[in-house]
Structure formats: structure tokens, C-alpha cells
Amino acid sequence: MVASYTPNLRITKQGTNDNPNTWGTVVNNQVIALLEEAISGVAEIDCTGSSDIDLSATTENGVTDDARHAVLELIGLIGADIDVILPAVDKVYLIRADYLGAHTITVKPTGGSSGIELSSGNTALIYTNGTNIYDIGSSDALLIENNLSDVASVSTARTNLGLGTAAVLDVGTTANKVVQLDGSGKLPAVDGSQLTGLSSGGTMSAQNANNVAITGGTITGITDLAIADGGTGASTAADARTNLGLGSMAVQDASNVAITGGSISGVTGLSIPTVTDSSSGKIVIGTVLIQWGSSIVSSSGSSTINFHTPFTGPPYFVTWMSNGTNQPIESSVGNISASSFVARKASGSGGSVDMSWLAIGKA
């Protein structure tokens, strides 16, 4: 029997008792290989020039041909809009337009009046029944060249993207526009006649905001603006300070701050003078301890005087003088230590002497 061929893919159908002992070659080359071509084969179609490409004219029975391939890649440099004509049989194609040139290629079946138009860079999955052709890959898809103009519902698309109503407004200062800050981050000139929550003016204390008074609410980031109510409806400056959590220290100038009583800690290099005794006392200034007192130098000529508070080392300076009439001709100090000194009067100068002493050293 004479071999026949399938109508769509042109694959060999062997007749009964055909090709004895060689039928395996026929099956491999004219059936299996052609099925692979139809299922996964890729054919490059050179469209260079300005003429139509008729793939239906180059079809072959039982032999490889371009029209049988599953994928068609349209390449080359085209000089005009052209057609790529497919065989008039049932077939599915994946077509990729990868040619050069600013023209379009229309893919259609033999004898068909309409087709699928492709620009370079497009890919289409199409089906033809031999008469008509259908773009089944992009029938529900957005085409790149349409720039989203082919969405079914623009408003639904905006909702799905999470866009608010401001997304459809232009920038400007007229009706239905969004106000935009200028290059320096400031608001442009706008009509504020319908603003609410603002007083009629006249209560501005700083005058740098053109006499606009603001009542109530919370205001942040405003420079050179004094708000009379402190942000919570207060009517005095004291109420405003209270609302801000400020203490009485906030109203003092730096040169008028006085500290009375209490304890001060965490201050480096500063000690507050403290007098411990009005008659025989001491005073501490920073790390300096000044002590004074009165005592008696005995008639024997010398007495040991103990300091009220020991110094941390021998004092810098120690002296004494008589308080009474029995003034010695000569007085001196000796044996100075951190805790005491010896007061001496001149020998033969009479009895004991009432004296006052002063010592300065390290606290």
C-alpha cells in the first residue's frame, strides 16, 4: 500500500505490510522525530526584507518543515509591515517576535482575512482552526503596548493596588488638587478662609505668624509661634507651663537662679561652702579646708592645738595670735601635722596666753 499522512502534522501513516524489515526507520524518522518537532521544536523564521512569509507553501509530508514546529521565532530585519502565513490546518503555536525594525508582523492562516498583529518584543500563544486565528495566550492578559489601557476596570485596579482617592488628583492650589510643598519645604499660597478651629486673631503673643491665634489641639514643629492656651485650652502662661510639665525653674533667668537648701549631687568640681561652727569652726571651699579657733598657750611656753577636723595632709598655712593683754614678745608654731600643731610663745613672757589660731590645708 502507498503511505498516507495525517492532515495537521503531516506525519507518515504506514500501510499494511509496508516497509518490511525497514519499518523501524520510517517510524523513527517520519513519525517520532516529527512528533517531537510538533510538540517542542523551535523554528527560526527569517523575515528579512519587505515580503510576506508563506509557511504553508513549504510544508512537507513525512519530512521536517518550519510550519510543523511548536515554537516560531520571527527574526531578521524587516523593511515594511508583512504577513506570516500559516497552513490552513488546526494547530497551536507559541510565536515570539524578535526581529529588527519598527514595523509589525501579522500572523494569519492561509486564506484568512484577519490575523494576530505582533511588534518586536511580543510573544503570543495562538490557535488556528485553519480559517480563523485566536490569541489564546493574551486574551485575558494586559498587553505591554497598551500601557494598562486594557484593564477591565480602572477603579477596581486602583482599589486592588491599595491606592486612595488622592491617587487621581493632580498637584496644585485650585479646586480638587493636592497641595505640594515648594522647593524649600514650605506650603504655597492657599486660601485658608474655610479653615476651622482657628480663632479670629488678636491673641498671638509672638507676632511672627501674622497675628493668627490657634486655640486647642496639639501643635508640633512650629517656629516663632507662642500659643496662648498651651495646647489644652489653658488661658494663662502659667497654665501653659503646667501643661508642658515645666517647674518654677523655667521662669528664672540664668543669672537669677538661687539654690536654697536641699542636696546637690552629680556636680563635678563644685562644693557648696558649709560653716560648722560660728566661733571655732571650719569652712570647705572645693578641696580647701579653712579652720579657726581659740585656745590657751600654757605658762610653760607651748601647747598642742588639735584641729577640729584633720586635714588630708599637713596644712598649707598655720598661725596664731594673742587675744589678751598678756601678749608674748614672740610667737611661733611647730610640729605641724594633719591633725595638730604646737603653739609657742617666747620664754619669760609671763603666764598663759589666750590665743586665736588659723589653719588652711587640703580637705
Protein backbone atom coordinates (compact mmCIF):
# COMPACT_ATOMS: atom_id res chain seq x y z
CA MET A 1 0.00 0.00 0.00
CA VAL A 2 1.02 3.61 -0.58
CA ALA A 3 1.74 5.53 2.64
CA SER A 4 -0.65 8.33 3.70
CA TYR A 5 -0.15 11.33 6.01
CA THR A 6 -2.03 12.99 8.88
CA PRO A 7 -3.73 16.25 7.76
CA ASN A 8 -2.49 18.60 10.50
CA LEU A 9 1.08 17.48 11.27
CA ARG A 10 1.79 15.60 8.01
CA ILE A 11 3.13 12.52 9.82
CA THR A 12 3.55 9.27 7.90
CA LYS A 13 0.85 6.60 8.25
CA GLN A 14 2.24 3.27 7.05
CA GLY A 15 0.01 0.99 5.08
CA THR A 16 -0.47 -2.66 5.94
CA ASN A 17 2.64 -4.72 5.11
CA ASP A 18 4.57 -1.54 4.11
CA ASN A 19 8.32 -1.37 4.61
CA PRO A 20 9.06 -4.95 5.65
CA ASN A 21 12.22 -5.10 7.74
CA THR A 22 12.66 -1.28 7.40
CA TRP A 23 9.53 -0.01 9.07
CA GLY A 24 11.55 0.96 12.20
CA THR A 25 13.44 3.63 10.24
CA VAL A 26 10.18 5.03 8.91
CA VAL A 27 8.70 5.17 12.40
CA ASN A 28 11.78 6.85 13.85
CA ASN A 29 12.29 9.47 11.12
CA GLN A 30 8.79 10.10 9.81
CA VAL A 31 6.74 9.69 12.98
CA ILE A 32 8.66 10.02 16.25
CA ALA A 33 11.03 12.76 15.09
CA LEU A 34 8.18 14.75 13.56
CA LEU A 35 6.06 14.40 16.70
CA GLU A 36 8.93 15.81 18.77
CA GLU A 37 9.18 18.69 16.29
CA ALA A 38 5.46 19.40 16.64
CA ILE A 39 5.48 19.18 20.45
CA SER A 40 8.69 21.00 21.42
CA GLY A 41 10.53 22.04 18.27
CA VAL A 42 11.68 25.64 17.73
CA ALA A 43 11.98 27.06 14.21
CA GLU A 44 13.62 30.39 13.36
CA ILE A 45 11.73 32.16 10.59
CA ASP A 46 13.88 34.73 8.80
CA CYS A 47 11.59 37.63 7.90
CA THR A 48 14.29 39.88 6.45
CA GLY A 49 13.01 42.19 3.70
CA SER A 50 9.56 43.55 2.88
CA SER A 51 7.80 40.44 1.55
CA ASP A 52 5.28 38.14 3.21
CA ILE A 53 6.49 34.78 4.52
CA ASP A 54 4.22 31.88 3.40
CA LEU A 55 4.92 28.86 5.60
CA SER A 56 2.02 26.97 4.02
CA ALA A 57 3.94 26.84 0.73
CA THR A 58 6.88 24.99 2.28
CA THR A 59 5.07 22.21 4.10
CA GLU A 60 6.29 18.63 3.62
CA ASN A 61 4.66 15.24 4.17
CA GLY A 62 6.73 12.91 6.33
CA VAL A 63 9.67 15.36 6.32
CA THR A 64 10.65 18.20 8.65
CA ASP A 65 9.27 21.67 7.85
CA ASP A 66 9.01 25.02 9.70
CA ALA A 67 5.22 25.10 9.93
CA ARG A 68 5.13 21.87 11.95
CA HIS A 69 7.24 23.27 14.85
CA ALA A 70 5.64 24.19 18.18
CA VAL A 71 7.54 27.49 18.54
CA LEU A 72 8.18 30.02 15.80
CA GLU A 73 10.80 32.73 16.35
CA LEU A 74 10.40 35.62 13.90
CA ILE A 75 13.84 37.12 13.27
CA GLY A 76 15.63 39.31 10.75
CA LEU A 77 15.41 42.97 9.68
CA ILE A 78 12.07 43.82 8.11
CA GLY A 79 11.57 46.88 5.95
CA ALA A 80 7.75 47.00 5.91
CA ASP A 81 4.66 45.59 7.58
CA ILE A 82 4.40 41.95 6.44
CA ASP A 83 2.32 38.80 6.97
CA VAL A 84 3.48 35.38 8.12
CA ILE A 85 1.03 32.89 6.61
CA LEU A 86 0.34 29.58 8.33
CA PRO A 87 -1.08 26.35 6.81
CA ALA A 88 -4.88 26.11 6.86
CA VAL A 89 -4.95 23.31 9.46
CA ASP A 90 -5.70 23.01 13.15
CA LYS A 91 -2.61 23.91 15.14
CA VAL A 92 -1.37 25.66 18.29
CA TYR A 93 1.73 27.87 18.09
CA LEU A 94 3.86 29.83 20.52
CA ILE A 95 5.20 32.75 18.48
CA ARG A 96 7.97 35.10 19.61
CA ALA A 97 8.68 38.29 17.68
CA ASP A 98 12.40 39.03 17.91
CA TYR A 99 13.04 40.86 14.65
CA LEU A 100 14.61 44.25 13.95
CA GLY A 101 12.72 47.18 12.54
CA ALA A 102 9.85 49.43 13.59
CA HIS A 103 7.23 47.57 11.54
CA THR A 104 4.69 44.93 12.55
CA ILE A 105 4.16 41.30 11.53
CA THR A 106 0.65 39.88 11.21
CA VAL A 107 0.30 36.12 11.65
CA LYS A 108 -2.71 34.57 9.89
CA PRO A 109 -3.79 31.28 8.26
CA THR A 110 -3.89 30.69 4.53
CA GLY A 111 -6.98 32.37 3.11
CA GLY A 112 -7.75 34.08 6.43
CA SER A 113 -8.78 37.71 6.35
CA SER A 114 -7.71 38.60 9.87
CA GLY A 115 -4.70 37.76 11.99
CA ILE A 116 -2.70 38.47 15.15
CA GLU A 117 -0.51 41.58 14.93
CA LEU A 118 2.87 41.45 16.66
CA SER A 119 5.51 44.07 17.37
CA SER A 120 9.11 43.18 18.06
CA GLY A 121 9.39 42.00 21.66
CA ASN A 122 5.88 40.49 21.77
CA THR A 123 5.11 36.86 22.47
CA ALA A 124 1.76 35.23 21.64
CA LEU A 125 0.21 31.83 22.20
CA ILE A 126 -2.19 31.33 19.27
CA TYR A 127 -4.62 28.74 17.95
CA THR A 128 -5.87 28.42 14.40
CA ASN A 129 -8.66 26.21 13.08
CA GLY A 130 -7.40 26.65 9.54
CA THR A 131 -9.72 29.59 8.85
CA ASN A 132 -9.59 31.86 11.87
CA ILE A 133 -6.81 32.58 14.32
CA TYR A 134 -7.12 33.31 18.05
CA ASP A 135 -4.70 34.80 20.56
CA ILE A 136 -5.32 32.40 23.45
CA GLY A 137 -2.24 33.48 25.41
CA SER A 138 -3.16 37.12 25.84
CA SER A 139 -6.94 37.18 25.52
CA ASP A 140 -7.15 37.81 29.27
CA ALA A 141 -3.72 39.42 29.65
CA LEU A 142 -2.55 43.01 29.57
CA LEU A 143 -0.53 43.91 26.51
CA ILE A 144 2.69 45.81 27.02
CA GLU A 145 1.99 48.28 24.23
CA ASN A 146 -1.36 49.25 25.78
CA ASN A 147 0.25 50.59 28.97
CA LEU A 148 -2.65 49.33 31.17
CA SER A 149 -5.30 50.93 28.98
CA ASP A 150 -6.82 47.47 28.52
CA VAL A 151 -7.65 46.76 32.18
CA ALA A 152 -11.30 45.79 32.59
CA SER A 153 -11.97 48.27 35.43
CA VAL A 154 -9.64 51.13 36.23
CA SER A 155 -11.31 51.87 39.58
CA THR A 156 -11.12 48.22 40.66
CA ALA A 157 -7.45 48.11 39.67
CA ARG A 158 -6.75 51.16 41.86
CA THR A 159 -8.56 49.51 44.78
CA ASN A 160 -6.60 46.29 44.34
CA LEU A 161 -3.36 48.30 44.37
CA GLY A 162 -4.39 49.95 47.64
CA LEU A 163 -4.48 53.45 46.14
CA GLY A 164 -6.59 56.12 47.82
CA THR A 165 -8.67 58.87 46.27
CA ALA A 166 -5.65 61.19 46.21
CA ALA A 167 -4.13 58.98 43.51
CA VAL A 168 -6.40 60.51 40.85
CA LEU A 169 -5.83 64.14 41.89
CA ASP A 170 -3.33 66.49 40.28
CA VAL A 171 -0.96 68.77 42.20
CA GLY A 172 -1.97 72.42 42.50
CA THR A 173 -3.71 75.04 44.61
CA THR A 174 -7.05 75.13 42.80
CA ALA A 175 -10.17 73.01 43.25
CA ASN A 176 -9.71 69.21 43.51
CA LYS A 177 -5.93 69.43 43.62
CA VAL A 178 -3.36 68.13 46.11
CA VAL A 179 -1.21 70.86 47.70
CA GLN A 180 2.51 70.25 47.24
CA LEU A 181 5.32 71.79 49.30
CA ASP A 182 7.67 74.03 47.34
CA GLY A 183 11.39 73.52 46.84
CA SER A 184 12.19 74.84 50.31
CA GLY A 185 9.63 72.60 52.02
CA LYS A 186 7.06 75.35 52.55
CA LEU A 187 3.38 75.48 51.73
CA PRO A 188 2.41 77.51 48.66
CA ALA A 189 -0.06 80.39 48.92
CA VAL A 190 -3.50 78.91 49.59
CA ASP A 191 -6.91 80.29 50.56
CA GLY A 192 -7.44 79.46 54.24
CA SER A 193 -10.82 81.16 54.65
CA GLN A 194 -12.60 77.84 55.34
CA LEU A 195 -10.20 76.55 57.96
CA THR A 196 -11.95 75.66 61.22
CA GLY A 197 -10.68 75.50 64.79
CA LEU A 198 -8.79 78.80 64.45
CA SER A 199 -9.71 81.88 66.49
CA SER A 200 -10.36 85.21 64.82
CA GLY A 201 -6.90 86.54 65.66
CA GLY A 202 -5.50 89.07 68.06
CA THR A 203 -4.20 86.65 70.71
CA MET A 204 -0.84 85.90 69.11
CA SER A 205 1.96 86.67 71.53
CA ALA A 206 4.98 86.41 69.25
CA GLN A 207 3.56 88.24 66.19
CA ASN A 208 5.83 86.24 63.84
CA ALA A 209 2.93 84.28 62.37
CA ASN A 210 0.93 87.27 61.08
CA ASN A 211 -1.34 87.56 64.15
CA VAL A 212 -3.03 84.18 63.72
CA ALA A 213 -4.23 82.74 67.03
CA ILE A 214 -4.67 78.97 67.35
CA THR A 215 -6.94 77.51 70.01
CA GLY A 216 -6.94 73.87 71.12
CA GLY A 217 -5.38 70.82 69.59
CA THR A 218 -1.79 69.65 69.60
CA ILE A 219 0.75 71.63 67.59
CA THR A 220 4.27 70.47 66.78
CA GLY A 221 7.14 71.73 64.64
CA ILE A 222 6.04 75.40 64.66
CA THR A 223 8.82 78.00 64.93
CA ASP A 224 8.42 81.53 66.37
CA LEU A 225 4.85 80.85 67.48
CA ALA A 226 3.53 81.29 71.04
CA ILE A 227 0.20 79.59 71.71
CA ALA A 228 -1.87 81.22 74.43
CA ASP A 229 -3.70 78.10 75.56
CA GLY A 230 -0.69 75.79 75.75
CA GLY A 231 -2.43 73.25 73.53
CA THR A 232 -5.11 72.18 76.06
CA GLY A 233 -7.40 75.18 76.46
CA ALA A 234 -5.39 76.96 79.18
CA SER A 235 -5.80 80.73 79.32
CA THR A 236 -2.61 81.83 81.10
CA ALA A 237 1.12 81.37 80.63
CA ALA A 238 1.28 79.56 83.99
CA ASP A 239 -1.32 77.04 82.80
CA ALA A 240 0.67 76.52 79.61
CA ARG A 241 3.83 75.81 81.62
CA THR A 242 1.90 73.35 83.78
CA ASN A 243 0.58 71.56 80.68
CA LEU A 244 4.16 71.25 79.41
CA GLY A 245 5.28 69.82 82.77
CA LEU A 246 7.64 72.76 83.49
CA GLY A 247 8.59 73.63 87.08
CA SER A 248 9.15 77.03 88.66
CA MET A 249 12.79 76.94 87.46
CA ALA A 250 11.55 77.53 83.90
CA VAL A 251 10.75 81.21 84.60
CA GLN A 252 14.17 82.05 86.08
CA ASP A 253 16.94 83.75 84.14
CA ALA A 254 20.33 82.03 84.29
CA SER A 255 21.83 84.90 86.35
CA ASN A 256 19.00 84.92 88.90
CA VAL A 257 18.82 81.25 89.90
CA ALA A 258 19.29 80.80 93.66
CA ILE A 259 19.70 77.41 95.33
CA THR A 260 18.29 77.12 98.85
CA GLY A 261 18.54 74.00 100.98
CA GLY A 262 18.26 70.50 99.64
CA SER A 263 21.01 68.26 98.36
CA ILE A 264 23.00 68.70 95.17
CA SER A 265 24.73 65.70 93.64
CA GLY A 266 26.44 64.88 90.39
CA VAL A 267 28.20 68.27 90.19
CA THR A 268 31.90 67.94 89.35
CA GLY A 269 34.47 70.36 90.78
CA LEU A 270 31.98 72.30 92.91
CA SER A 271 31.37 72.18 96.68
CA ILE A 272 28.89 74.43 98.48
CA PRO A 273 30.58 76.23 101.48
CA THR A 274 29.32 74.92 104.85
CA VAL A 275 30.16 76.62 108.21
CA THR A 276 30.06 74.12 111.03
CA ASP A 277 30.74 76.40 113.99
CA SER A 278 30.47 80.15 114.36
CA SER A 279 33.20 80.52 116.99
CA SER A 280 35.62 77.67 116.42
CA GLY A 281 34.61 76.31 113.12
CA LYS A 282 35.63 75.48 109.61
CA ILE A 283 34.68 76.17 106.03
CA VAL A 284 35.24 73.96 102.96
CA ILE A 285 35.67 75.55 99.53
CA GLY A 286 36.17 72.92 96.88
CA THR A 287 39.11 70.88 98.14
CA VAL A 288 40.37 73.60 100.52
CA LEU A 289 39.62 73.37 104.26
CA ILE A 290 39.92 76.53 106.36
CA GLN A 291 39.79 76.10 110.15
CA TRP A 292 39.97 78.55 113.03
CA GLY A 293 39.56 78.55 116.77
CA SER A 294 40.77 79.81 120.17
CA SER A 295 42.80 78.13 122.88
CA ILE A 296 45.29 78.73 125.71
CA VAL A 297 49.03 78.63 125.42
CA SER A 298 50.18 77.48 128.82
CA SER A 299 52.59 79.35 131.03
CA SER A 300 55.22 76.73 130.24
CA GLY A 301 55.55 78.36 126.77
CA SER A 302 53.88 75.88 124.40
CA SER A 303 50.62 73.96 123.89
CA THR A 304 49.43 71.33 121.40
CA ILE A 305 46.39 72.52 119.46
CA ASN A 306 44.17 69.89 117.78
CA PHE A 307 42.32 70.81 114.59
CA HIS A 308 38.53 70.44 114.59
CA THR A 309 38.83 68.17 111.51
CA PRO A 310 42.08 66.55 110.43
CA PHE A 311 43.42 67.67 107.05
CA THR A 312 44.28 65.04 104.43
CA GLY A 313 47.90 66.10 104.84
CA PRO A 314 49.97 68.77 106.59
CA PRO A 315 48.17 72.12 106.21
CA TYR A 316 49.44 74.79 103.85
CA PHE A 317 49.42 77.55 106.48
CA VAL A 318 49.11 77.78 110.31
CA THR A 319 49.37 80.89 112.51
CA TRP A 320 48.21 82.20 115.93
CA MET A 321 47.98 85.44 117.85
CA SER A 322 47.12 86.56 121.36
CA ASN A 323 43.60 87.63 122.26
CA GLY A 324 44.51 89.32 125.55
CA THR A 325 46.87 91.79 127.18
CA ASN A 326 49.47 89.24 128.11
CA GLN A 327 51.00 89.43 124.61
CA PRO A 328 54.17 87.42 124.22
CA ILE A 329 57.17 89.14 122.68
CA GLU A 330 57.41 86.36 120.10
CA SER A 331 55.04 83.62 118.91
CA SER A 332 55.55 80.66 116.56
CA VAL A 333 54.15 77.27 115.51
CA GLY A 334 55.84 73.92 115.22
CA ASN A 335 55.32 70.18 114.96
CA ILE A 336 52.63 70.76 112.32
CA SER A 337 50.74 67.60 111.29
CA ALA A 338 47.44 66.81 109.61
CA SER A 339 45.68 66.76 112.98
CA SER A 340 47.50 69.31 115.20
CA PHE A 341 50.25 71.84 115.71
CA VAL A 342 52.26 73.21 118.65
CA ALA A 343 51.75 76.90 119.55
CA ARG A 344 54.79 78.51 121.20
CA LYS A 345 55.27 81.81 122.97
CA ALA A 346 58.54 83.43 123.91
CA SER A 347 60.04 82.19 127.11
CA GLY A 348 59.86 84.51 130.08
CA SER A 349 56.85 86.33 128.68
CA GLY A 350 54.59 85.70 131.65
CA GLY A 351 51.77 83.28 132.27
CA SER A 352 49.41 81.53 129.99
CA VAL A 353 48.07 83.32 126.90
CA ASP A 354 44.54 83.35 125.47
CA MET A 355 45.08 82.95 121.71
CA SER A 356 43.28 82.60 118.35
CA TRP A 357 44.56 80.38 115.51
CA LEU A 358 44.00 79.93 111.77
CA ALA A 359 44.94 76.96 109.57
CA ILE A 360 44.46 76.35 105.81
CA GLY A 361 45.00 72.98 104.11
CA LYS A 362 43.57 70.27 101.92
CA ALA A 363 40.14 68.92 102.88
